[in-house]
Amino acid sequence: MPSDKISVSGFRHFFQTEGGPVQATGVIDLAIREGEFVTLVGPSGCGKTTLLKAIAGFIAPSEGSILCDGKRVTAPGRERGVVFQELAILPWRTVRRNIAHGLEIARVPRAERDRTVERLIGLVGLHGFEDRYPHELSGGMRQRVAVARTWAADPEIILMDEPFAAVDAMTRLTLQEELGRLCAATRKTVFFITHSVEEAVFLADRVLVMTKRPGTIKAVLDVPRRDHGGRDWDSFTADPEMRNIEEQVMHLVHAERVAG
């Protein structure tokens, strides 16, 4: 039985403003197992990104604790990689050298570094673009570079905050399939925030739904396990069980929008 990779207990956060403290989240308890892909949906402003940043170690919880592998999170760590919606790739580096950037900093031997980069280029569909610079790539390709660069550092946990929100609909579908294959191949533990219910169900082993601000976890829905190669959109859209789960999540999210 996989162990808990991430454990959030009694988490609640307040932001300090000139007018006094503002409550960002309600009390949140959450456990994510090793190798699990968990997605989080909820209304805008409910505290999704606040929770992710706390798990990443970018902010300290006002209350409660966050553990990764049983160790309290007090700062960012190499075992946790983060991919935000905003691209974090270097414009003066090629695709290959962007992906290798963290490995160079860690002084990984050249041969090992090249093997890792080549494998990831294949997994995210960037063969033929290895020597291109970011300005020569589409938005979707640049996001693939950002994902591959995070994976290259080999963190045990990947935290993703709406990484595909800025790309067009067709590119987004392709990126979702590629991310599914990448996760199936590497078995990382992933915590993924999205506003798209369809995306949340397509990618996840479990979907978490938050209430409106101050957000708490109102529901947890299990999704049948992804097969070894990840999911694809053709089979997903034809699967009544998947569509039923999507409808349940949509109903839960809609209930928060219309709640008084």
C-alpha atoms as a PDB file:
ATOM      1  CA  MET A   1       0.000   0.000   0.000  1.00  0.00           C
ATOM      2  CA  PRO A   2       1.581   3.328  -1.043  1.00  0.00           C
ATOM      3  CA  SER A   3       2.458   5.633   1.844  1.00  0.00           C
ATOM      4  CA  ASP A   4       1.399   9.262   2.193  1.00  0.00           C
ATOM      5  CA  LYS A   5       3.831  11.451   0.289  1.00  0.00           C
ATOM      6  CA  ILE A   6       2.122  14.696   1.273  1.00  0.00           C
ATOM      7  CA  SER A   7       0.185  15.216   4.491  1.00  0.00           C
ATOM      8  CA  VAL A   8      -1.657  18.460   5.251  1.00  0.00           C
ATOM      9  CA  SER A   9      -3.141  18.690   8.756  1.00  0.00           C
ATOM     10  CA  GLY A  10      -5.225  21.524  10.166  1.00  0.00           C
ATOM     11  CA  PHE A  11      -3.963  23.928   7.502  1.00  0.00           C
ATOM     12  CA  ARG A  12      -5.479  27.392   7.560  1.00  0.00           C
ATOM     13  CA  HIS A  13      -3.978  30.567   6.180  1.00  0.00           C
ATOM     14  CA  PHE A  14      -4.486  34.292   6.662  1.00  0.00           C
ATOM     15  CA  PHE A  15      -2.898  37.110   4.673  1.00  0.00           C
ATOM     16  CA  GLN A  16      -1.942  40.231   6.571  1.00  0.00           C
ATOM     17  CA  THR A  17      -3.195  43.473   4.987  1.00  0.00           C
ATOM     18  CA  GLU A  18      -3.336  47.101   6.077  1.00  0.00           C
ATOM     19  CA  GLY A  19      -6.945  46.546   7.040  1.00  0.00           C
ATOM     20  CA  GLY A  20      -6.103  43.485   9.119  1.00  0.00           C
ATOM     21  CA  PRO A  21      -5.900  39.729   8.495  1.00  0.00           C
ATOM     22  CA  VAL A  22      -7.812  38.259   5.541  1.00  0.00           C
ATOM     23  CA  GLN A  23      -8.713  34.580   5.698  1.00  0.00           C
ATOM     24  CA  ALA A  24      -7.522  32.819   2.528  1.00  0.00           C
ATOM     25  CA  THR A  25      -8.587  29.267   3.395  1.00  0.00           C
ATOM     26  CA  GLY A  26     -10.659  27.380   5.890  1.00  0.00           C
ATOM     27  CA  VAL A  27      -9.252  24.359   7.688  1.00  0.00           C
ATOM     28  CA  ILE A  28      -7.841  21.826   5.222  1.00  0.00           C
ATOM     29  CA  ASP A  29      -6.792  18.238   5.880  1.00  0.00           C
ATOM     30  CA  LEU A  30      -5.344  16.347   2.950  1.00  0.00           C
ATOM     31  CA  ALA A  31      -3.212  13.275   2.225  1.00  0.00           C
ATOM     32  CA  ILE A  32      -1.681  12.408  -1.150  1.00  0.00           C
ATOM     33  CA  ARG A  33      -0.184   8.959  -1.611  1.00  0.00           C
ATOM     34  CA  GLU A  34       3.120   8.211  -3.283  1.00  0.00           C
ATOM     35  CA  GLY A  35       2.744   7.997  -7.056  1.00  0.00           C
ATOM     36  CA  GLU A  36      -0.759   9.485  -6.996  1.00  0.00           C
ATOM     37  CA  PHE A  37      -2.015  12.195  -9.366  1.00  0.00           C
ATOM     38  CA  VAL A  38      -4.413  14.467  -7.467  1.00  0.00           C
ATOM     39  CA  THR A  39      -6.221  17.397  -9.071  1.00  0.00           C
ATOM     40  CA  LEU A  40      -7.889  20.302  -7.258  1.00  0.00           C
ATOM     41  CA  VAL A  41     -10.789  22.389  -8.572  1.00  0.00           C
ATOM     42  CA  GLY A  42     -12.811  25.141  -6.978  1.00  0.00           C
ATOM     43  CA  PRO A  43     -14.046  28.711  -7.387  1.00  0.00           C
ATOM     44  CA  SER A  44     -11.596  31.519  -8.108  1.00  0.00           C
ATOM     45  CA  GLY A  45     -10.123  32.967  -4.927  1.00  0.00           C
ATOM     46  CA  CYS A  46     -10.935  29.939  -2.762  1.00  0.00           C
ATOM     47  CA  GLY A  47      -7.302  29.351  -1.758  1.00  0.00           C
ATOM     48  CA  LYS A  48      -6.122  26.694  -4.227  1.00  0.00           C
ATOM     49  CA  THR A  49      -2.858  28.442  -5.087  1.00  0.00           C
ATOM     50  CA  THR A  50      -2.305  29.398  -1.451  1.00  0.00           C
ATOM     51  CA  LEU A  51      -2.411  25.723  -0.524  1.00  0.00           C
ATOM     52  CA  LEU A  52      -0.042  24.756  -3.349  1.00  0.00           C
ATOM     53  CA  LYS A  53       2.444  27.486  -2.405  1.00  0.00           C
ATOM     54  CA  ALA A  54       2.408  26.280   1.191  1.00  0.00           C
ATOM     55  CA  ILE A  55       3.140  22.705   0.084  1.00  0.00           C
ATOM     56  CA  ALA A  56       5.950  24.078  -2.086  1.00  0.00           C
ATOM     57  CA  GLY A  57       7.361  25.895   0.938  1.00  0.00           C
ATOM     58  CA  PHE A  58       6.927  29.383  -0.511  1.00  0.00           C
ATOM     59  CA  ILE A  59       4.655  30.495   2.339  1.00  0.00           C
ATOM     60  CA  ALA A  60       4.396  29.334   5.950  1.00  0.00           C
ATOM     61  CA  PRO A  61       0.934  28.221   7.129  1.00  0.00           C
ATOM     62  CA  SER A  62      -0.786  30.477   9.638  1.00  0.00           C
ATOM     63  CA  GLU A  63      -2.067  27.313  11.312  1.00  0.00           C
ATOM     64  CA  GLY A  64      -1.484  23.595  10.952  1.00  0.00           C
ATOM     65  CA  SER A  65       1.329  21.599   9.402  1.00  0.00           C
ATOM     66  CA  ILE A  66       2.473  20.222   6.059  1.00  0.00           C
ATOM     67  CA  LEU A  67       4.647  17.116   5.857  1.00  0.00           C
ATOM     68  CA  CYS A  68       6.414  15.588   2.873  1.00  0.00           C
ATOM     69  CA  ASP A  69       7.715  12.071   3.530  1.00  0.00           C
ATOM     70  CA  GLY A  70       7.028  12.702   7.196  1.00  0.00           C
ATOM     71  CA  LYS A  71       9.228  15.815   7.347  1.00  0.00           C
ATOM     72  CA  ARG A  72       7.755  19.218   8.087  1.00  0.00           C
ATOM     73  CA  VAL A  73       7.864  21.639   5.151  1.00  0.00           C
ATOM     74  CA  THR A  74       9.526  24.886   6.208  1.00  0.00           C
ATOM     75  CA  ALA A  75      11.056  26.070   2.905  1.00  0.00           C
ATOM     76  CA  PRO A  76      11.305  25.084  -0.775  1.00  0.00           C
ATOM     77  CA  GLY A  77      13.193  21.852  -1.391  1.00  0.00           C
ATOM     78  CA  ARG A  78      14.650  19.948  -4.325  1.00  0.00           C
ATOM     79  CA  GLU A  79      12.254  17.068  -3.701  1.00  0.00           C
ATOM     80  CA  ARG A  80       9.391  19.377  -4.764  1.00  0.00           C
ATOM     81  CA  GLY A  81       9.280  20.752  -8.301  1.00  0.00           C
ATOM     82  CA  VAL A  82       6.817  23.495  -9.255  1.00  0.00           C
ATOM     83  CA  VAL A  83       5.282  24.412 -12.624  1.00  0.00           C
ATOM     84  CA  PHE A  84       3.236  27.625 -12.712  1.00  0.00           C
ATOM     85  CA  GLN A  85       1.037  29.039 -15.461  1.00  0.00           C
ATOM     86  CA  GLU A  86       3.677  31.725 -15.996  1.00  0.00           C
ATOM     87  CA  LEU A  87       6.544  30.319 -18.018  1.00  0.00           C
ATOM     88  CA  ALA A  88       9.861  30.002 -16.219  1.00  0.00           C
ATOM     89  CA  ILE A  89      12.231  29.237 -19.073  1.00  0.00           C
ATOM     90  CA  LEU A  90      15.317  31.198 -20.023  1.00  0.00           C
ATOM     91  CA  PRO A  91      15.043  33.056 -23.364  1.00  0.00           C
ATOM     92  CA  TRP A  92      18.794  32.898 -24.052  1.00  0.00           C
ATOM     93  CA  ARG A  93      18.956  29.105 -23.759  1.00  0.00           C
ATOM     94  CA  THR A  94      17.881  26.521 -26.334  1.00  0.00           C
ATOM     95  CA  VAL A  95      15.280  23.877 -25.560  1.00  0.00           C
ATOM     96  CA  ARG A  96      18.005  21.374 -24.732  1.00  0.00           C
ATOM     97  CA  ARG A  97      19.893  23.762 -22.447  1.00  0.00           C
ATOM     98  CA  ASN A  98      16.737  24.993 -20.727  1.00  0.00           C
ATOM     99  CA  ILE A  99      15.823  21.425 -19.795  1.00  0.00           C
ATOM    100  CA  ALA A 100      19.398  20.773 -18.658  1.00  0.00           C
ATOM    101  CA  HIS A 101      19.647  23.960 -16.595  1.00  0.00           C
ATOM    102  CA  GLY A 102      18.965  22.440 -13.170  1.00  0.00           C
ATOM    103  CA  LEU A 103      21.181  19.471 -13.939  1.00  0.00           C
ATOM    104  CA  GLU A 104      24.049  21.798 -14.788  1.00  0.00           C
ATOM    105  CA  ILE A 105      23.598  23.640 -11.498  1.00  0.00           C
ATOM    106  CA  ALA A 106      23.631  20.296  -9.671  1.00  0.00           C
ATOM    107  CA  ARG A 107      26.862  19.401 -11.545  1.00  0.00           C
ATOM    108  CA  VAL A 108      25.380  16.218 -12.990  1.00  0.00           C
ATOM    109  CA  PRO A 109      27.982  14.578 -15.275  1.00  0.00           C
ATOM    110  CA  ARG A 110      27.594  15.510 -18.940  1.00  0.00           C
ATOM    111  CA  ALA A 111      26.787  11.998 -20.203  1.00  0.00           C
ATOM    112  CA  GLU A 112      24.067  11.462 -17.579  1.00  0.00           C
ATOM    113  CA  ARG A 113      22.697  14.933 -18.193  1.00  0.00           C
ATOM    114  CA  ASP A 114      22.466  14.329 -21.936  1.00  0.00           C
ATOM    115  CA  ARG A 115      20.644  11.013 -21.424  1.00  0.00           C
ATOM    116  CA  THR A 116      18.094  12.604 -19.112  1.00  0.00           C
ATOM    117  CA  VAL A 117      17.451  15.536 -21.454  1.00  0.00           C
ATOM    118  CA  GLU A 118      17.114  13.289 -24.510  1.00  0.00           C
ATOM    119  CA  ARG A 119      14.590  11.052 -22.750  1.00  0.00           C
ATOM    120  CA  LEU A 120      12.465  13.998 -21.641  1.00  0.00           C
ATOM    121  CA  ILE A 121      12.577  15.615 -25.071  1.00  0.00           C
ATOM    122  CA  GLY A 122      11.052  12.419 -26.405  1.00  0.00           C
ATOM    123  CA  LEU A 123       8.458  12.127 -23.661  1.00  0.00           C
ATOM    124  CA  VAL A 124       7.140  15.674 -24.155  1.00  0.00           C
ATOM    125  CA  GLY A 125       7.252  15.572 -27.961  1.00  0.00           C
ATOM    126  CA  LEU A 126      10.043  18.046 -28.673  1.00  0.00           C
ATOM    127  CA  HIS A 127      12.238  15.996 -31.007  1.00  0.00           C
ATOM    128  CA  GLY A 128      13.426  18.232 -33.828  1.00  0.00           C
ATOM    129  CA  PHE A 129      13.251  21.380 -31.677  1.00  0.00           C
ATOM    130  CA  GLU A 130      16.203  20.694 -29.358  1.00  0.00           C
ATOM    131  CA  ASP A 131      18.276  23.624 -30.636  1.00  0.00           C
ATOM    132  CA  ARG A 132      15.477  26.175 -30.967  1.00  0.00           C
ATOM    133  CA  TYR A 133      15.205  29.181 -28.665  1.00  0.00           C
ATOM    134  CA  PRO A 134      11.984  30.015 -26.793  1.00  0.00           C
ATOM    135  CA  HIS A 135      11.031  32.836 -29.178  1.00  0.00           C
ATOM    136  CA  GLU A 136      11.052  30.288 -32.021  1.00  0.00           C
ATOM    137  CA  LEU A 137       8.499  28.048 -30.277  1.00  0.00           C
ATOM    138  CA  SER A 138       4.728  28.113 -29.899  1.00  0.00           C
ATOM    139  CA  GLY A 139       3.203  28.702 -26.475  1.00  0.00           C
ATOM    140  CA  GLY A 140       2.438  25.019 -26.117  1.00  0.00           C
ATOM    141  CA  MET A 141       6.010  24.043 -26.924  1.00  0.00           C
ATOM    142  CA  ARG A 142       7.362  26.537 -24.404  1.00  0.00           C
ATOM    143  CA  GLN A 143       5.113  25.017 -21.750  1.00  0.00           C
ATOM    144  CA  ARG A 144       6.441  21.564 -22.632  1.00  0.00           C
ATOM    145  CA  VAL A 145       9.947  22.881 -22.049  1.00  0.00           C
ATOM    146  CA  ALA A 146       8.908  24.205 -18.625  1.00  0.00           C
ATOM    147  CA  VAL A 147       7.394  20.843 -17.687  1.00  0.00           C
ATOM    148  CA  ALA A 148      10.428  18.903 -18.927  1.00  0.00           C
ATOM    149  CA  ARG A 149      12.810  21.199 -17.069  1.00  0.00           C
ATOM    150  CA  THR A 150      10.973  20.544 -13.818  1.00  0.00           C
ATOM    151  CA  TRP A 151      10.993  16.772 -14.417  1.00  0.00           C
ATOM    152  CA  ALA A 152      14.711  16.818 -15.329  1.00  0.00           C
ATOM    153  CA  ALA A 153      15.661  17.733 -11.776  1.00  0.00           C
ATOM    154  CA  ASP A 154      13.955  14.476 -10.728  1.00  0.00           C
ATOM    155  CA  PRO A 155      11.881  15.804  -7.821  1.00  0.00           C
ATOM    156  CA  GLU A 156       9.740  13.247  -6.035  1.00  0.00           C
ATOM    157  CA  ILE A 157       6.747  15.594  -5.985  1.00  0.00           C
ATOM    158  CA  ILE A 158       5.468  17.808  -8.825  1.00  0.00           C
ATOM    159  CA  LEU A 159       3.231  20.770  -7.961  1.00  0.00           C
ATOM    160  CA  MET A 160       1.403  22.317 -10.937  1.00  0.00           C
ATOM    161  CA  ASP A 161      -0.705  25.486 -10.846  1.00  0.00           C
ATOM    162  CA  GLU A 162      -2.842  25.741 -14.012  1.00  0.00           C
ATOM    163  CA  PRO A 163       0.131  25.052 -16.285  1.00  0.00           C
ATOM    164  CA  PHE A 164      -1.976  24.794 -19.475  1.00  0.00           C
ATOM    165  CA  ALA A 165      -4.401  27.663 -18.902  1.00  0.00           C
ATOM    166  CA  ALA A 166      -2.738  30.047 -21.365  1.00  0.00           C
ATOM    167  CA  VAL A 167      -2.631  27.761 -24.419  1.00  0.00           C
ATOM    168  CA  ASP A 168      -5.308  27.174 -27.037  1.00  0.00           C
ATOM    169  CA  ALA A 169      -7.850  24.387 -26.651  1.00  0.00           C
ATOM    170  CA  MET A 170      -6.317  21.933 -29.138  1.00  0.00           C
ATOM    171  CA  THR A 171      -2.813  22.373 -27.737  1.00  0.00           C
ATOM    172  CA  ARG A 172      -4.179  21.917 -24.243  1.00  0.00           C
ATOM    173  CA  LEU A 173      -5.632  18.508 -25.138  1.00  0.00           C
ATOM    174  CA  THR A 174      -2.280  17.406 -26.546  1.00  0.00           C
ATOM    175  CA  LEU A 175      -0.394  18.635 -23.496  1.00  0.00           C
ATOM    176  CA  GLN A 176      -2.800  16.821 -21.180  1.00  0.00           C
ATOM    177  CA  GLU A 177      -2.239  13.534 -23.005  1.00  0.00           C
ATOM    178  CA  GLU A 178       1.523  14.030 -22.956  1.00  0.00           C
ATOM    179  CA  LEU A 179       1.487  14.862 -19.259  1.00  0.00           C
ATOM    180  CA  GLY A 180      -0.513  11.701 -18.607  1.00  0.00           C
ATOM    181  CA  ARG A 181       2.056   9.618 -20.486  1.00  0.00           C
ATOM    182  CA  LEU A 182       4.924  11.358 -18.697  1.00  0.00           C
ATOM    183  CA  CYS A 183       3.383  10.638 -15.300  1.00  0.00           C
ATOM    184  CA  ALA A 184       2.642   7.036 -16.219  1.00  0.00           C
ATOM    185  CA  ALA A 185       6.284   6.606 -17.284  1.00  0.00           C
ATOM    186  CA  THR A 186       7.847   8.251 -14.213  1.00  0.00           C
ATOM    187  CA  ARG A 187       5.260   7.610 -11.451  1.00  0.00           C
ATOM    188  CA  LYS A 188       5.803  10.959  -9.802  1.00  0.00           C
ATOM    189  CA  THR A 189       3.469  12.239  -7.102  1.00  0.00           C
ATOM    190  CA  VAL A 190       1.540  15.134  -8.674  1.00  0.00           C
ATOM    191  CA  PHE A 191      -0.700  17.825  -7.194  1.00  0.00           C
ATOM    192  CA  PHE A 192      -2.382  19.761 -10.013  1.00  0.00           C
ATOM    193  CA  ILE A 193      -4.612  22.851  -9.762  1.00  0.00           C
ATOM    194  CA  THR A 194      -7.036  23.643 -12.563  1.00  0.00           C
ATOM    195  CA  HIS A 195     -10.257  25.534 -13.265  1.00  0.00           C
ATOM    196  CA  SER A 196     -11.239  22.957 -15.893  1.00  0.00           C
ATOM    197  CA  VAL A 197     -13.427  20.154 -14.554  1.00  0.00           C
ATOM    198  CA  GLU A 198     -12.805  18.084 -17.682  1.00  0.00           C
ATOM    199  CA  GLU A 199      -9.033  18.454 -17.294  1.00  0.00           C
ATOM    200  CA  ALA A 200      -9.231  17.587 -13.608  1.00  0.00           C
ATOM    201  CA  VAL A 201     -11.026  14.301 -14.247  1.00  0.00           C
ATOM    202  CA  PHE A 202      -8.973  13.376 -17.325  1.00  0.00           C
ATOM    203  CA  LEU A 203      -5.655  13.616 -15.484  1.00  0.00           C
ATOM    204  CA  ALA A 204      -6.482  12.479 -11.973  1.00  0.00           C
ATOM    205  CA  ASP A 205      -6.472   9.422  -9.789  1.00  0.00           C
ATOM    206  CA  ARG A 206      -8.504  11.567  -7.367  1.00  0.00           C
ATOM    207  CA  VAL A 207     -10.283  14.891  -7.805  1.00  0.00           C
ATOM    208  CA  LEU A 208     -10.626  17.263  -4.853  1.00  0.00           C
ATOM    209  CA  VAL A 209     -13.319  19.945  -4.906  1.00  0.00           C
ATOM    210  CA  MET A 210     -13.004  23.090  -2.784  1.00  0.00           C
ATOM    211  CA  THR A 211     -15.705  25.361  -1.429  1.00  0.00           C
ATOM    212  CA  LYS A 212     -15.744  29.053  -2.144  1.00  0.00           C
ATOM    213  CA  ARG A 213     -13.498  31.294  -0.046  1.00  0.00           C
ATOM    214  CA  PRO A 214     -12.372  30.628   2.595  1.00  0.00           C
ATOM    215  CA  GLY A 215     -11.940  27.271   0.902  1.00  0.00           C
ATOM    216  CA  THR A 216     -12.100  23.827   2.452  1.00  0.00           C
ATOM    217  CA  ILE A 217     -12.181  20.410   0.771  1.00  0.00           C
ATOM    218  CA  LYS A 218     -15.889  19.642   0.291  1.00  0.00           C
ATOM    219  CA  ALA A 219     -15.606  16.434  -1.746  1.00  0.00           C
ATOM    220  CA  VAL A 220     -13.132  13.807  -2.924  1.00  0.00           C
ATOM    221  CA  LEU A 221     -13.894  11.686  -5.985  1.00  0.00           C
ATOM    222  CA  ASP A 222     -11.878   8.644  -7.017  1.00  0.00           C
ATOM    223  CA  VAL A 223     -11.181   8.162 -10.725  1.00  0.00           C
ATOM    224  CA  PRO A 224     -10.367   4.707 -12.157  1.00  0.00           C
ATOM    225  CA  ARG A 225      -6.606   4.257 -12.391  1.00  0.00           C
ATOM    226  CA  ARG A 226      -4.814   5.393 -15.519  1.00  0.00           C
ATOM    227  CA  ASP A 227      -3.327   2.525 -17.481  1.00  0.00           C
ATOM    228  CA  HIS A 228       0.411   2.225 -18.038  1.00  0.00           C
ATOM    229  CA  GLY A 229       0.391   4.522 -21.054  1.00  0.00           C
ATOM    230  CA  GLY A 230      -1.829   7.228 -19.600  1.00  0.00           C
ATOM    231  CA  ARG A 231      -5.298   8.232 -20.823  1.00  0.00           C
ATOM    232  CA  ASP A 232      -6.269   9.442 -24.267  1.00  0.00           C
ATOM    233  CA  TRP A 233      -9.139  11.746 -25.157  1.00  0.00           C
ATOM    234  CA  ASP A 234     -10.881   9.376 -27.569  1.00  0.00           C
ATOM    235  CA  SER A 235     -11.353   6.655 -24.950  1.00  0.00           C
ATOM    236  CA  PHE A 236     -12.046   9.192 -22.184  1.00  0.00           C
ATOM    237  CA  THR A 237     -14.908  10.879 -24.023  1.00  0.00           C
ATOM    238  CA  ALA A 238     -16.418   7.494 -24.925  1.00  0.00           C
ATOM    239  CA  ASP A 239     -16.313   6.180 -21.337  1.00  0.00           C
ATOM    240  CA  PRO A 240     -19.664   6.640 -19.527  1.00  0.00           C
ATOM    241  CA  GLU A 241     -18.011   6.194 -16.125  1.00  0.00           C
ATOM    242  CA  MET A 242     -15.613   9.059 -16.777  1.00  0.00           C
ATOM    243  CA  ARG A 243     -18.378  11.321 -18.028  1.00  0.00           C
ATOM    244  CA  ASN A 244     -20.442  10.494 -14.953  1.00  0.00           C
ATOM    245  CA  ILE A 245     -17.554  11.506 -12.671  1.00  0.00           C
ATOM    246  CA  GLU A 246     -17.159  14.717 -14.653  1.00  0.00           C
ATOM    247  CA  GLU A 247     -20.859  15.500 -14.177  1.00  0.00           C
ATOM    248  CA  GLN A 248     -20.548  14.911 -10.425  1.00  0.00           C
ATOM    249  CA  VAL A 249     -17.592  17.278 -10.163  1.00  0.00           C
ATOM    250  CA  MET A 250     -19.355  19.890 -12.286  1.00  0.00           C
ATOM    251  CA  HIS A 251     -22.409  19.707 -10.021  1.00  0.00           C
ATOM    252  CA  LEU A 252     -20.245  20.186  -6.912  1.00  0.00           C
ATOM    253  CA  VAL A 253     -18.444  23.179  -8.430  1.00  0.00           C
ATOM    254  CA  HIS A 254     -21.699  24.714  -9.695  1.00  0.00           C
ATOM    255  CA  ALA A 255     -23.230  24.402  -6.217  1.00  0.00           C
ATOM    256  CA  GLU A 256     -20.496  26.680  -4.885  1.00  0.00           C
ATOM    257  CA  ARG A 257     -21.126  29.255  -7.601  1.00  0.00           C
ATOM    258  CA  VAL A 258     -24.821  29.535  -6.801  1.00  0.00           C
ATOM    259  CA  ALA A 259     -24.489  29.262  -3.021  1.00  0.00           C
ATOM    260  CA  GLY A 260     -25.421  32.374  -1.094  1.00  0.00           C
END
